[in-house]
Protein backbone atom coordinates (compact mmCIF):
# COMPACT_ATOMS: atom_id res chain seq x y z
CA MET A 1 130.17 45.89 126.00
CA PRO A 2 129.18 43.55 128.93
CA LYS A 3 126.64 40.82 128.31
CA ARG A 4 123.29 42.37 129.33
CA HIS A 5 119.80 43.36 128.10
CA GLY A 6 119.33 40.03 126.43
CA PHE A 7 122.20 39.89 123.99
CA SER A 8 123.87 36.62 123.79
CA CYS A 9 127.31 38.00 122.88
CA GLU A 10 129.62 40.49 124.42
CA ARG A 11 130.90 43.23 122.09
CA GLY A 12 134.34 41.70 122.07
CA GLU A 13 132.97 38.37 120.83
CA LEU A 14 131.48 40.06 117.80
CA GLU A 15 134.79 41.87 117.12
CA SER A 16 136.66 38.44 117.37
CA LEU A 17 134.29 36.81 114.76
CA ALA A 18 134.73 39.72 112.41
CA GLN A 19 138.47 39.60 112.83
CA SER A 20 138.67 35.84 112.25
CA ALA A 21 136.76 36.30 108.98
CA LEU A 22 139.15 38.95 107.74
CA GLU A 23 142.15 36.80 108.57
CA ARG A 24 140.74 33.76 106.84
CA ALA A 25 140.04 35.79 103.67
CA ARG A 26 143.42 37.09 103.75
CA ARG A 27 145.02 33.67 103.97
CA ALA A 28 142.79 32.60 101.03
CA GLY A 29 144.53 35.32 98.86
CA ALA A 30 141.83 38.00 98.92
CA SER A 31 143.05 41.48 98.20
CA GLY A 32 140.36 42.88 100.50
CA CYS A 33 137.53 41.83 102.74
CA ASP A 34 134.68 43.32 104.88
CA CYS A 35 132.60 41.63 107.54
CA GLU A 36 129.48 42.49 109.49
CA VAL A 37 128.48 40.59 112.61
CA SER A 38 125.05 41.48 114.21
CA GLU A 39 122.42 40.18 116.51
CA GLY A 40 119.16 41.38 117.78
CA TYR A 41 116.12 40.38 120.03
CA GLY A 42 112.75 41.74 120.60
CA LEU A 43 109.01 41.46 121.13
CA THR A 44 106.11 42.41 118.98
CA VAL A 45 102.43 42.11 120.13
CA THR A 46 99.38 42.84 118.22
CA VAL A 47 95.98 43.07 119.83
CA ARG A 48 92.73 42.99 117.76
CA LYS A 49 89.35 43.73 119.15
CA GLY A 50 90.73 43.41 122.86
CA LYS A 51 92.32 40.08 122.37
CA PRO A 52 95.93 39.18 121.46
CA ASP A 53 96.22 38.52 117.81
CA THR A 54 99.87 37.75 117.41
CA ILE A 55 102.69 37.51 119.96
CA GLU A 56 106.27 37.25 118.43
CA HIS A 57 109.48 36.91 120.27
CA ASN A 58 112.45 37.26 117.79
CA ARG A 59 116.14 36.53 118.20
CA ASP A 60 118.45 37.04 115.08
CA ARG A 61 121.93 36.65 114.30
CA ALA A 62 123.89 37.16 111.13
CA ILE A 63 127.46 37.27 109.76
CA GLY A 64 127.93 38.68 106.25
CA VAL A 65 131.33 38.50 104.46
CA SER A 66 132.29 40.14 101.18
CA VAL A 67 135.78 39.26 99.60
CA TYR A 68 137.59 40.89 96.72
CA PHE A 69 140.18 39.53 94.45
CA GLY A 70 142.55 41.57 92.20
CA GLU A 71 142.74 45.27 92.00
CA ARG A 72 140.58 47.85 90.24
CA PRO A 73 139.74 47.94 87.34
CA ARG A 74 139.93 44.15 87.38
CA LEU A 75 138.39 43.40 90.72
CA ARG A 76 135.98 40.31 91.45
CA ARG A 77 133.69 40.17 94.41
CA GLY A 78 131.99 37.40 96.27
CA HIS A 79 129.68 37.50 99.19
CA ALA A 80 128.07 34.93 101.66
CA SER A 81 126.28 34.96 104.92
CA THR A 82 125.17 32.76 107.79
CA SER A 83 123.26 32.90 110.94
CA ASP A 84 125.44 30.45 112.72
CA PHE A 85 128.31 31.90 114.85
CA SER A 86 130.20 28.71 115.27
CA ARG A 87 133.78 28.76 114.07
CA ALA A 88 133.10 26.01 111.35
CA ALA A 89 130.19 28.02 110.05
CA LEU A 90 132.12 31.26 109.83
CA GLU A 91 135.10 29.39 107.96
CA GLN A 92 132.56 27.83 105.48
CA THR A 93 131.02 31.35 104.92
CA VAL A 94 134.30 32.92 104.10
CA ASP A 95 135.26 29.96 101.97
CA ALA A 96 131.97 30.28 100.00
CA ALA A 97 132.50 34.01 99.46
CA VAL A 98 135.97 33.20 98.14
CA ALA A 99 134.69 30.61 95.76
CA ILE A 100 131.94 32.91 94.51
CA ALA A 101 134.52 35.76 93.87
CA ARG A 102 136.68 33.54 91.75
CA HIS A 103 133.78 33.02 89.23
CA THR A 104 132.24 36.43 89.18
CA ALA A 105 132.93 38.97 86.32
CA GLU A 106 135.50 41.78 86.89
CA ASP A 107 133.99 45.08 87.92
CA ASP A 108 135.99 48.38 87.78
CA CYS A 109 133.98 50.04 90.49
CA ALA A 110 133.67 47.30 93.16
CA GLY A 111 135.81 47.22 96.27
CA LEU A 112 136.27 48.61 99.80
CA PRO A 113 135.66 52.32 100.22
CA ASP A 114 138.46 54.79 99.85
CA ALA A 115 140.60 54.43 103.07
CA GLU A 116 140.78 58.22 103.68
CA LEU A 117 137.03 58.33 104.05
CA LEU A 118 136.62 55.84 106.75
CA ALA A 119 135.42 56.97 110.13
CA ARG A 120 138.34 57.61 112.49
CA GLU A 121 136.22 58.75 115.24
CA GLN A 122 133.03 57.10 116.63
CA PRO A 123 131.21 59.43 119.03
CA GLU A 124 128.63 58.07 121.42
CA LEU A 125 125.23 59.09 119.98
CA ASP A 126 123.10 57.52 122.94
CA LEU A 127 121.11 55.22 120.63
CA PHE A 128 120.61 52.28 123.01
CA HIS A 129 117.52 52.39 125.28
CA PRO A 130 116.37 48.84 125.70
CA TRP A 131 112.82 48.32 126.80
CA ALA A 132 112.35 45.48 129.30
CA ILE A 133 108.69 45.14 128.73
CA SER A 134 107.03 41.85 129.39
CA THR A 135 104.55 40.12 127.06
CA GLU A 136 101.81 40.75 129.57
CA GLU A 137 102.73 44.40 129.83
CA ALA A 138 102.75 44.81 125.97
CA VAL A 139 99.41 43.21 125.62
CA ASP A 140 97.99 45.54 128.26
CA LEU A 141 99.44 48.59 126.66
CA ALA A 142 98.06 47.53 123.23
CA GLN A 143 94.81 46.89 124.69
CA ARG A 144 94.56 50.34 126.20
CA CYS A 145 95.65 51.92 123.06
CA GLU A 146 92.82 50.12 121.00
CA ALA A 147 90.25 50.60 123.68
CA ALA A 148 90.72 54.26 123.54
CA ALA A 149 90.12 54.23 119.73
CA PHE A 150 86.85 52.32 120.20
CA ALA A 151 85.87 54.67 122.93
CA VAL A 152 85.80 57.61 120.53
CA SER A 153 82.40 56.58 118.98
CA LYS A 154 80.16 53.63 118.71
CA LYS A 155 80.71 53.97 114.91
CA ILE A 156 84.26 52.65 115.58
CA ARG A 157 83.18 49.12 114.75
CA ASN A 158 86.32 47.18 113.84
CA SER A 159 89.95 47.15 114.15
CA GLU A 160 93.15 46.12 112.22
CA GLY A 161 94.83 46.12 115.56
CA ALA A 162 97.04 47.96 117.90
CA SER A 163 100.73 46.87 117.94
CA VAL A 164 103.64 47.39 120.40
CA SER A 165 107.17 46.36 119.48
CA ALA A 166 110.48 46.68 121.38
CA GLN A 167 113.62 45.87 119.40
CA GLN A 168 117.36 45.82 120.32
CA THR A 169 120.44 45.28 118.06
CA GLN A 170 124.12 45.42 118.21
CA PHE A 171 126.68 44.90 115.42
CA VAL A 172 130.34 45.21 114.56
CA LEU A 173 131.61 46.10 111.11
CA ALA A 174 135.11 45.57 110.12
CA ASN A 175 137.21 45.55 107.00
CA SER A 176 140.93 44.83 105.87
CA LEU A 177 141.79 48.41 105.68
CA GLY A 178 141.89 48.60 109.65
CA PHE A 179 138.50 49.79 110.16
CA MET A 180 136.44 48.28 113.01
CA GLY A 181 133.24 49.88 114.52
CA GLY A 182 129.83 49.24 115.81
CA PHE A 183 127.34 49.99 118.53
CA PRO A 184 124.09 48.79 120.06
CA GLY A 185 120.79 50.40 119.18
CA SER A 186 117.10 50.27 119.88
CA ARG A 187 113.83 50.94 118.05
CA HIS A 188 110.50 50.83 119.58
CA TRP A 189 107.00 51.60 118.16
CA LEU A 190 103.36 51.84 118.96
CA SER A 191 100.55 51.89 116.35
CA CYS A 192 96.91 51.55 115.98
CA ALA A 193 94.52 51.12 112.98
CA VAL A 194 90.70 51.09 113.29
CA ILE A 195 87.58 51.08 110.98
CA ALA A 196 84.59 53.49 111.28
CA GLU A 197 81.29 52.29 109.80
CA ASP A 198 78.07 54.29 109.29
CA LYS A 199 75.05 53.15 107.17
CA GLY A 200 77.14 50.26 105.75
CA LEU A 201 80.09 52.50 104.57
CA MET A 202 83.45 51.96 106.11
CA GLN A 203 86.44 54.15 106.57
CA ARG A 204 89.93 53.27 107.97
CA ASP A 205 92.78 55.35 109.40
CA ASP A 206 95.69 54.92 111.76
CA TRP A 207 98.44 56.62 113.69
CA PHE A 208 101.92 55.66 114.73
CA SER A 209 104.67 56.65 117.06
CA ALA A 210 108.40 55.43 117.07
CA SER A 211 111.45 56.13 119.19
CA ARG A 212 114.72 54.67 120.43
CA VAL A 213 113.53 55.69 123.93
CA PRO A 214 110.51 53.93 125.29
CA GLY A 215 109.56 56.84 127.40
CA GLN A 216 109.31 59.02 124.38
CA LEU A 217 106.66 57.11 122.55
CA ALA A 218 103.26 58.64 122.37
CA GLU A 219 100.95 58.01 125.36
CA PRO A 220 98.89 54.79 124.40
CA ARG A 221 95.37 56.20 125.00
CA ALA A 222 96.12 59.54 123.36
CA LEU A 223 97.55 57.75 120.32
CA GLY A 224 94.58 55.32 119.99
CA ARG A 225 91.98 58.08 120.66
CA TYR A 226 93.72 60.22 117.59
CA ALA A 227 93.64 57.07 115.43
CA GLY A 228 89.84 56.68 116.16
CA GLU A 229 89.20 60.40 115.59
CA ARG A 230 90.93 60.11 112.20
CA ALA A 231 88.88 57.15 111.04
CA LEU A 232 85.57 58.80 112.35
CA ALA A 233 86.34 62.03 110.54
CA ARG A 234 86.49 60.21 107.13
CA LEU A 235 82.93 58.88 107.28
CA GLY A 236 80.67 60.43 104.79
CA ALA A 237 83.45 61.00 102.19
CA ARG A 238 82.39 62.19 98.79
CA LYS A 239 83.75 62.37 95.29
CA ILE A 240 84.48 65.70 93.80
CA ALA A 241 84.41 67.06 90.25
CA THR A 242 87.54 67.10 88.35
CA THR A 243 89.38 70.39 88.93
CA GLN A 244 92.65 72.19 89.34
CA ALA A 245 93.27 73.55 92.90
CA PRO A 246 95.98 73.93 95.59
CA VAL A 247 96.95 70.69 97.32
CA LEU A 248 98.07 70.53 100.97
CA PHE A 249 100.07 67.29 101.81
CA GLU A 250 99.60 66.41 105.49
CA ALA A 251 102.94 65.97 107.09
CA PRO A 252 103.32 62.12 106.99
CA VAL A 253 102.28 62.26 103.27
CA ALA A 254 104.73 65.30 102.76
CA ILE A 255 107.53 63.02 103.96
CA GLY A 256 106.68 60.64 101.11
CA LEU A 257 106.83 63.38 98.62
CA ILE A 258 110.34 64.18 99.97
CA GLY A 259 111.03 60.54 99.55
CA HIS A 260 110.76 60.70 95.79
CA PHE A 261 113.37 63.40 95.60
CA ILE A 262 115.66 61.29 97.86
CA SER A 263 115.24 58.29 95.32
CA ALA A 264 115.94 60.61 92.43
CA VAL A 265 119.27 61.82 93.80
CA SER A 266 120.46 58.52 95.10
CA GLY A 267 123.34 56.71 93.39
CA GLY A 268 121.82 53.83 91.66
CA ASN A 269 119.21 55.91 89.88
CA LEU A 270 121.81 58.52 88.98
CA TYR A 271 124.43 56.34 87.37
CA ARG A 272 121.75 54.36 85.53
CA LYS A 273 120.29 57.47 84.37
CA THR A 274 116.81 56.31 85.68
CA SER A 275 116.10 59.67 87.34
CA PHE A 276 114.58 62.82 86.37
CA LEU A 277 117.24 64.67 88.42
CA VAL A 278 120.37 63.32 86.77
CA ASP A 279 123.08 66.12 86.83
CA SER A 280 120.90 68.19 89.17
CA LEU A 281 123.90 69.07 91.51
CA GLY A 282 124.06 72.86 91.90
CA LYS A 283 120.71 73.45 90.19
CA GLU A 284 117.49 74.88 91.61
CA VAL A 285 114.97 72.10 91.76
CA PHE A 286 112.71 73.21 94.47
CA SER A 287 111.24 76.64 95.33
CA ARG A 288 113.55 78.72 97.10
CA LEU A 289 111.93 78.36 100.60
CA VAL A 290 113.05 74.66 100.57
CA THR A 291 116.02 73.66 102.83
CA ILE A 292 116.91 70.06 103.60
CA ASP A 293 119.80 69.04 105.88
CA GLU A 294 121.30 65.79 106.79
CA ARG A 295 122.21 65.32 110.60
CA PRO A 296 123.70 61.97 111.17
CA LEU A 297 125.12 62.74 114.52
CA GLU A 298 122.04 63.71 116.43
CA HIS A 299 121.72 62.16 119.81
CA LYS A 300 118.99 59.52 120.03
CA GLY A 301 118.28 60.14 116.42
CA MET A 302 116.39 57.22 114.48
CA ALA A 303 118.74 57.29 111.64
CA SER A 304 121.89 58.46 113.44
CA SER A 305 125.14 56.79 112.85
CA PRO A 306 128.91 57.99 112.87
CA PHE A 307 129.52 55.86 109.71
CA ASP A 308 127.64 54.20 106.84
CA GLU A 309 127.24 50.37 105.97
CA GLU A 310 130.70 50.52 104.46
CA GLY A 311 132.48 52.32 107.45
CA VAL A 312 132.66 55.70 105.62
CA ALA A 313 132.30 58.57 108.05
CA THR A 314 129.08 60.46 108.05
CA ARG A 315 128.93 64.30 108.47
CA GLU A 316 126.42 66.99 108.75
CA ARG A 317 125.66 68.46 105.21
CA SER A 318 123.27 70.39 103.23
CA ILE A 319 121.20 68.46 100.73
CA VAL A 320 119.08 71.36 99.44
CA ARG A 321 119.77 74.97 100.29
CA ASP A 322 117.25 77.62 99.18
CA GLY A 323 115.89 75.21 96.61
CA VAL A 324 119.35 74.35 95.08
CA VAL A 325 120.59 70.76 95.19
CA GLU A 326 123.78 70.58 97.06
CA GLY A 327 124.20 66.98 97.87
CA TYR A 328 123.44 63.48 96.37
CA PHE A 329 123.29 60.08 98.43
CA LEU A 330 126.18 57.97 97.21
CA GLY A 331 127.88 54.72 98.50
CA SER A 332 131.25 53.95 97.08
CA TYR A 333 130.18 51.83 94.24
CA ALA A 334 127.69 54.57 92.80
CA ALA A 335 130.29 57.28 93.54
CA ARG A 336 132.92 55.61 91.42
CA LYS A 337 130.31 55.07 88.60
CA LEU A 338 129.76 58.85 88.66
CA GLY A 339 133.50 59.76 89.11
CA MET A 340 132.69 61.24 92.56
CA LYS A 341 133.29 60.45 96.19
CA SER A 342 131.14 58.55 98.58
CA THR A 343 128.89 60.87 100.67
CA GLY A 344 128.59 58.29 103.53
CA SER A 345 125.28 57.08 102.28
CA ALA A 346 125.75 53.39 101.82
CA GLY A 347 122.54 51.86 103.19
CA GLY A 348 120.59 55.13 103.04
CA HIS A 349 120.31 58.61 104.36
CA HIS A 350 120.77 59.72 108.02
CA ASN A 351 118.24 62.08 109.59
CA LEU A 352 116.91 64.24 107.05
CA ILE A 353 115.47 67.66 108.36
CA VAL A 354 113.05 69.60 106.10
CA LYS A 355 113.15 73.29 107.18
CA SER A 356 109.63 73.65 108.49
CA GLU A 357 108.99 77.32 109.65
CA GLY A 358 105.57 77.96 108.19
CA PRO A 359 102.41 78.26 110.26
CA ASP A 360 100.87 75.45 112.25
CA PHE A 361 98.42 73.00 110.63
CA ALA A 362 95.28 75.40 111.06
CA GLY A 363 97.38 78.20 109.68
CA MET A 364 98.47 76.07 106.59
CA LEU A 365 94.64 75.40 106.00
CA LYS A 366 94.02 79.23 106.15
CA GLU A 367 96.86 79.74 103.80
CA MET A 368 95.46 77.35 101.25
CA ALA A 369 92.10 78.86 101.70
CA ARG A 370 90.33 76.50 99.11
CA GLY A 371 91.72 73.24 97.87
CA LEU A 372 92.41 69.61 98.75
CA LEU A 373 93.95 68.30 101.97
CA VAL A 374 95.59 64.92 101.15
CA THR A 375 95.94 62.56 104.09
CA GLU A 376 96.33 59.21 102.24
CA LEU A 377 98.02 58.09 99.07
CA LEU A 378 97.21 54.92 97.15
CA GLY A 379 99.06 53.22 94.40
CA GLN A 380 102.55 53.52 92.92
CA GLY A 381 101.99 55.92 90.04
CA VAL A 382 105.38 57.76 90.16
CA ASN A 383 107.74 57.57 87.20
CA LEU A 384 111.27 58.54 88.62
CA VAL A 385 112.59 58.66 84.96
CA THR A 386 110.26 61.50 83.82
CA GLY A 387 108.96 62.91 87.11
CA ASP A 388 105.36 62.06 86.19
CA TYR A 389 103.10 61.78 89.28
CA SER A 390 99.75 60.27 89.50
CA ARG A 391 98.38 58.84 92.86
CA GLY A 392 95.02 57.71 94.15
CA ALA A 393 94.14 59.96 97.12
CA ALA A 394 91.85 60.68 99.97
CA GLY A 395 91.60 63.47 102.39
CA TYR A 396 89.33 66.57 102.84
CA TRP A 397 88.01 69.39 100.72
CA VAL A 398 88.88 72.82 102.38
CA GLU A 399 86.72 75.97 102.02
CA ASN A 400 87.47 79.39 103.52
CA GLY A 401 90.52 77.85 105.40
CA VAL A 402 88.63 75.14 107.30
CA ILE A 403 87.83 71.46 106.51
CA ALA A 404 84.45 71.23 104.78
CA TYR A 405 84.10 67.49 104.26
CA PRO A 406 86.02 64.27 103.63
CA VAL A 407 86.67 63.22 99.92
CA GLU A 408 87.67 59.85 98.45
CA GLU A 409 88.24 58.01 95.10
CA ILE A 410 90.13 60.88 93.48
CA THR A 411 93.46 61.08 91.70
CA ILE A 412 96.03 63.85 92.06
CA ALA A 413 98.46 64.32 89.07
CA GLY A 414 101.31 66.44 88.17
CA ASN A 415 104.99 66.29 87.44
CA LEU A 416 107.57 66.23 90.33
CA LYS A 417 109.69 68.86 88.55
CA GLU A 418 106.80 71.41 88.63
CA MET A 419 105.57 70.21 91.93
CA PHE A 420 108.84 70.82 93.64
CA LYS A 421 108.92 74.39 92.17
CA GLN A 422 105.37 75.01 93.31
CA ILE A 423 105.85 74.58 97.01
CA LEU A 424 104.35 77.55 98.59
CA ALA A 425 104.88 76.80 102.36
CA ILE A 426 106.03 74.08 104.79
CA GLY A 427 104.29 74.01 108.07
CA SER A 428 105.57 73.76 111.58
CA ASP A 429 103.39 70.66 112.20
CA VAL A 430 106.50 68.35 112.01
CA VAL A 431 106.24 64.70 112.33
CA LEU A 432 109.18 62.08 112.13
CA ARG A 433 108.92 59.03 109.81
CA SER A 434 111.69 56.82 108.70
CA GLY A 435 114.53 59.19 109.68
CA ARG A 436 112.84 62.10 107.95
CA SER A 437 111.11 65.05 109.55
CA SER A 438 108.83 67.56 107.64
CA GLY A 439 105.78 69.53 108.35
CA SER A 440 102.80 69.64 105.92
CA ILE A 441 103.63 70.83 102.44
CA LEU A 442 101.43 73.30 100.40
CA LEU A 443 101.54 73.12 96.52
CA GLU A 444 100.19 76.01 94.43
CA ARG A 445 98.20 73.78 92.00
CA MET A 446 97.60 70.19 90.89
CA THR A 447 95.21 68.36 88.68
CA ILE A 448 92.61 66.73 90.88
CA ALA A 449 90.58 63.87 89.02
CA GLY A 450 87.18 62.95 90.47
CA ASP A 451 83.82 62.68 88.96
């Protein structure tokens, strides 16, 4: 890749550094080695109450080297890293990893991934769309976004800021099994958080947009206006009496609910048996209307990649089909612990799509008829070992299929095993967050603790 868009190195230079690390590890007697070389640059600007609050220009470099000595089941691993791309620093980093490996305990599951699972093809996924935005332009964009939030009402009295960020990275991953791959990528975002106040009482809300393509971010004024409207709508929030009722998770919150499932079927929690979904493969965990697919090869996808952090090929696959778990998230280490094969999930999942074919947001409210709409969750009250779920919440009480009034200082409680089975509908009001997309999710019943 030619030197452009602010990168300090050409693609060939990164490959040369990685190859040099592999060769030095081999000469030191390592039975295996992997190396990742990466660099990135970007700009992040935050404006608060119309004035620049923070301006950050970042430029990052990293080389990470892992070496292995011996053969399974008697394999020892050492890892070291540096941000210095000089030859001396690279050699010192490899030597440090070698020294560490010679003093670590043997591990029967460590080592490079299985050679037959490595990516042999690396399709172009169109993930690099640099944003040549100047500091002045970023400040102006953030100011317009925040100003639109303040313009919603005089009750929008304060701001936590509007932020604009443009980030570009490139990397090369190589190992001693003959794999070498990498690509440039971009991630950009725009966010706004404001505070509404009335009669001394304050409410906060925000909104966010992210994309690999600058032109696909939300229009700044529209995003700011929506953030302001959300904060304003929460004024006058009440407590409610303790009850049991249907609960509708707004789409961004629903993605968090799906996140608990992802954690529960991820390798570390499975082999340590710290998950309520141990041995859930092939079992019906959700209601039958739930289907979740992984699509790592989507063009411009926020979590797209032809291979994972070990070089294992990714592929489109079904994670949940008609409520039944069909896939785990496993890197090589966890897979060996479980007696299984890597799913290409070292480093996380890739573009999870929750099938969302229910009504739009207004239709989801009508389907619930009466109950709680949750737009914010507080605290960390989720026990992945048992599935017990208890979170502070805020949102709106719904009567006759429409929002009646905002509510706050409540707790919603249940157990994830039951909650997943009680999903009645998934709306078409889809949002994308952290490589996961879902609409709002309606649950049949939860305990709502209030006054």
